[in-house]
Amino acid sequence: MKRALGLLCILLVAAWARTAMAGQAQDTLKLSVDEVLSVLRGSKQGDPGRVDRLAKAVAKVFDPEELAKRTLASHWQAFSPEEQKRFTAAFVTLLQHTYLRRLEAYTDEQVVFLDEAALGENRAEVSTKVVTANKEIPIVYRMIKKNDWKVYDVVIEGVSLVQNYRNQFTQILAKESPSQLIGRVESMSSAG
């Protein structure tokens, strides 16, 4: 009986801890999205400093190293520490050039937060949708808690950002060195 009561207490404490964590990832993401929307609503495309303010707001909630590491998957270990840093910097610049342009095209769409689901210890998914005049676009943010909750993947209409780039980079790494891949990503970044 004491053993059963002890197990019940452990289960209750574990359930309470999980409930206490519920919503933290979503709250963190919502703060960042609100900041991005504030920049978009408070300025016009082409305004000086707008892109920098957007980049800073987005950077607060993304984990660049985790994003890079998950994109390269098992290839990450084949990169030297210096190559890992160079790849991470080039990849983040590529993503900024690609996605900040899309943010610049914002026309008062609404972001609706749907729910948060635990993916395991210190990982969660936050489901959202962007509502435009004629459609709804589902976007899921995969987040990890290190010190704070940070985004490590974004799934837009069922397509994972990490998986998409992983597939491309795996094909390149089958034929080229890590240094050559970094050169390609740097070129793509500067061309954007």
Protein backbone atom coordinates (compact mmCIF):
# COMPACT_ATOMS: atom_id res chain seq x y z
CA MET A 1 0.00 0.00 0.00
CA LYS A 2 2.81 2.42 0.88
CA ARG A 3 4.53 1.55 -2.39
CA ALA A 4 1.34 2.22 -4.39
CA LEU A 5 0.85 5.52 -2.56
CA GLY A 6 4.47 6.45 -3.29
CA LEU A 7 4.02 5.69 -7.00
CA LEU A 8 0.82 7.73 -7.06
CA CYS A 9 2.66 10.69 -5.50
CA ILE A 10 5.45 10.41 -8.07
CA LEU A 11 2.92 10.29 -10.92
CA LEU A 12 1.04 13.30 -9.54
CA VAL A 13 4.25 15.33 -9.18
CA ALA A 14 5.29 14.36 -12.72
CA ALA A 15 1.86 15.32 -14.08
CA TRP A 16 1.97 18.62 -12.20
CA ALA A 17 5.45 19.39 -13.56
CA ARG A 18 4.31 18.64 -17.12
CA THR A 19 1.23 20.86 -16.64
CA ALA A 20 3.35 23.63 -15.16
CA MET A 21 5.55 23.56 -18.28
CA ALA A 22 2.56 23.45 -20.64
CA GLY A 23 2.17 26.66 -22.53
CA GLN A 24 5.66 28.02 -21.86
CA ALA A 25 6.89 27.30 -25.39
CA GLN A 26 3.76 28.87 -26.85
CA ASP A 27 4.08 31.91 -24.58
CA THR A 28 7.70 32.43 -25.68
CA LEU A 29 6.78 32.08 -29.34
CA LYS A 30 3.79 34.40 -28.97
CA LEU A 31 6.00 37.15 -27.51
CA SER A 32 8.32 36.87 -30.50
CA VAL A 33 5.48 36.80 -33.04
CA ASP A 34 3.91 39.84 -31.35
CA GLU A 35 7.23 41.69 -31.60
CA VAL A 36 7.56 40.82 -35.30
CA LEU A 37 3.98 41.92 -35.97
CA SER A 38 4.60 45.15 -34.08
CA VAL A 39 7.57 45.93 -36.35
CA LEU A 40 5.55 45.04 -39.46
CA ARG A 41 2.52 47.10 -38.44
CA GLY A 42 4.58 50.04 -37.22
CA SER A 43 6.64 50.50 -40.36
CA LYS A 44 6.44 50.23 -44.12
CA GLN A 45 8.41 48.06 -46.50
CA GLY A 46 11.69 49.79 -47.27
CA ASP A 47 11.76 51.86 -44.06
CA PRO A 48 15.33 52.27 -42.73
CA GLY A 49 16.15 49.74 -40.04
CA ARG A 50 12.98 47.67 -40.55
CA VAL A 51 14.78 44.53 -41.77
CA ASP A 52 17.30 44.79 -38.92
CA ARG A 53 14.49 45.10 -36.35
CA LEU A 54 12.74 42.07 -37.88
CA ALA A 55 15.96 40.04 -37.86
CA LYS A 56 16.57 40.88 -34.18
CA ALA A 57 13.00 39.95 -33.22
CA VAL A 58 13.19 36.63 -35.06
CA ALA A 59 16.69 35.85 -33.74
CA LYS A 60 15.46 36.04 -30.15
CA VAL A 61 13.36 32.90 -30.53
CA PHE A 62 15.48 30.79 -32.92
CA ASP A 63 18.40 28.57 -31.91
CA PRO A 64 20.83 28.88 -34.84
CA GLU A 65 23.18 26.09 -33.79
CA GLU A 66 20.34 23.64 -33.11
CA LEU A 67 18.79 24.51 -36.47
CA ALA A 68 22.12 23.98 -38.26
CA LYS A 69 22.90 20.78 -36.35
CA ARG A 70 19.50 19.23 -37.09
CA THR A 71 19.73 20.28 -40.73
CA LEU A 72 23.06 18.51 -41.18
CA ALA A 73 21.98 15.57 -38.95
CA SER A 74 24.71 12.90 -38.89
CA HIS A 75 26.96 15.04 -41.13
CA TRP A 76 27.35 17.61 -38.31
CA GLN A 77 30.09 15.50 -36.69
CA ALA A 78 32.09 15.43 -39.95
CA PHE A 79 32.46 19.21 -39.74
CA SER A 80 35.31 20.64 -37.69
CA PRO A 81 34.28 23.09 -34.92
CA GLU A 82 35.36 25.98 -37.20
CA GLU A 83 33.33 24.55 -40.11
CA GLN A 84 30.32 24.15 -37.81
CA LYS A 85 30.55 27.85 -36.89
CA ARG A 86 30.97 28.92 -40.52
CA PHE A 87 28.11 26.70 -41.68
CA THR A 88 25.82 27.97 -38.90
CA ALA A 89 26.55 31.61 -39.74
CA ALA A 90 26.10 31.07 -43.50
CA PHE A 91 22.91 29.04 -43.04
CA VAL A 92 21.36 31.64 -40.72
CA THR A 93 22.21 34.38 -43.23
CA LEU A 94 20.62 32.32 -46.03
CA LEU A 95 17.45 31.82 -43.97
CA GLN A 96 17.32 35.52 -43.08
CA HIS A 97 17.62 36.56 -46.73
CA THR A 98 15.01 34.04 -47.80
CA TYR A 99 12.41 34.47 -45.07
CA LEU A 100 12.77 38.13 -44.11
CA ARG A 101 11.81 39.03 -47.69
CA ARG A 102 8.63 37.04 -47.20
CA LEU A 103 7.93 38.80 -43.92
CA GLU A 104 8.41 42.13 -45.69
CA ALA A 105 5.41 41.23 -47.88
CA TYR A 106 3.14 41.17 -44.81
CA THR A 107 -0.34 42.57 -45.47
CA ASP A 108 -2.12 42.37 -42.12
CA GLU A 109 -2.59 38.60 -41.96
CA GLN A 110 -3.65 37.20 -38.60
CA VAL A 111 -1.62 34.66 -36.61
CA VAL A 112 -3.77 32.29 -34.57
CA PHE A 113 -2.18 30.14 -31.87
CA LEU A 114 -3.88 26.74 -31.71
CA ASP A 115 -2.14 24.50 -29.20
CA GLU A 116 1.08 23.18 -27.76
CA ALA A 117 2.05 19.53 -27.58
CA ALA A 118 4.97 18.00 -25.70
CA LEU A 119 7.33 16.00 -27.93
CA GLY A 120 9.39 14.67 -25.04
CA GLU A 121 11.47 16.12 -22.29
CA ASN A 122 12.32 19.74 -23.13
CA ARG A 123 10.78 19.63 -26.61
CA ALA A 124 7.39 20.88 -27.81
CA GLU A 125 5.42 21.74 -30.91
CA VAL A 126 3.37 24.91 -31.12
CA SER A 127 0.66 24.81 -33.77
CA THR A 128 -0.46 28.05 -35.38
CA LYS A 129 -2.16 29.18 -38.53
CA VAL A 130 -1.79 32.31 -40.58
CA VAL A 131 -5.15 33.53 -41.78
CA THR A 132 -5.13 35.46 -45.05
CA ALA A 133 -8.08 36.90 -46.95
CA ASN A 134 -8.59 33.67 -48.87
CA LYS A 135 -6.86 30.82 -47.02
CA GLU A 136 -5.39 29.47 -43.81
CA ILE A 137 -1.77 28.33 -43.70
CA PRO A 138 -0.86 25.84 -40.94
CA ILE A 139 2.54 26.48 -39.37
CA VAL A 140 4.02 24.30 -36.64
CA TYR A 141 7.03 25.48 -34.65
CA ARG A 142 9.22 22.78 -33.11
CA MET A 143 10.93 24.10 -30.02
CA ILE A 144 13.55 22.97 -27.55
CA LYS A 145 14.18 24.20 -24.03
CA LYS A 146 17.78 24.75 -23.11
CA ASN A 147 17.83 27.89 -20.99
CA ASP A 148 14.78 29.31 -22.78
CA TRP A 149 12.40 27.90 -25.36
CA LYS A 150 13.89 28.26 -28.86
CA VAL A 151 12.66 27.24 -32.31
CA TYR A 152 14.71 24.58 -34.10
CA ASP A 153 12.34 23.77 -36.98
CA VAL A 154 9.33 25.26 -38.72
CA VAL A 155 6.81 23.11 -40.59
CA ILE A 156 4.78 25.11 -43.12
CA GLU A 157 1.85 23.31 -44.73
CA GLY A 158 3.41 19.99 -43.76
CA VAL A 159 6.89 20.77 -45.11
CA SER A 160 9.71 20.86 -42.57
CA LEU A 161 12.33 23.56 -43.09
CA VAL A 162 14.99 21.33 -41.51
CA GLN A 163 14.05 18.25 -43.53
CA ASN A 164 13.89 20.22 -46.78
CA TYR A 165 17.41 21.64 -46.37
CA ARG A 166 18.70 18.34 -44.95
CA ASN A 167 17.67 16.55 -48.14
CA GLN A 168 19.45 19.16 -50.30
CA PHE A 169 22.60 19.25 -48.19
CA THR A 170 22.83 15.45 -47.94
CA GLN A 171 22.89 15.23 -51.74
CA ILE A 172 25.64 17.84 -51.91
CA LEU A 173 27.69 16.19 -49.13
CA ALA A 174 27.54 12.86 -50.97
CA LYS A 175 29.77 14.45 -53.62
CA GLU A 176 31.48 17.40 -51.91
CA SER A 177 33.35 18.25 -48.72
CA PRO A 178 31.93 20.19 -45.78
CA SER A 179 34.03 23.18 -46.87
CA GLN A 180 32.52 23.06 -50.37
CA LEU A 181 28.98 22.95 -48.93
CA ILE A 182 29.77 25.95 -46.74
CA GLY A 183 31.04 27.80 -49.82
CA ARG A 184 27.80 27.02 -51.65
CA VAL A 185 25.65 28.20 -48.74
CA GLU A 186 27.73 31.38 -48.41
CA SER A 187 27.27 32.03 -52.14
CA MET A 188 23.52 31.45 -51.88
CA SER A 189 23.42 33.84 -48.91
CA SER A 190 25.25 36.63 -50.72
CA ALA A 191 23.21 36.13 -53.90
CA GLY A 192 19.98 36.63 -51.89
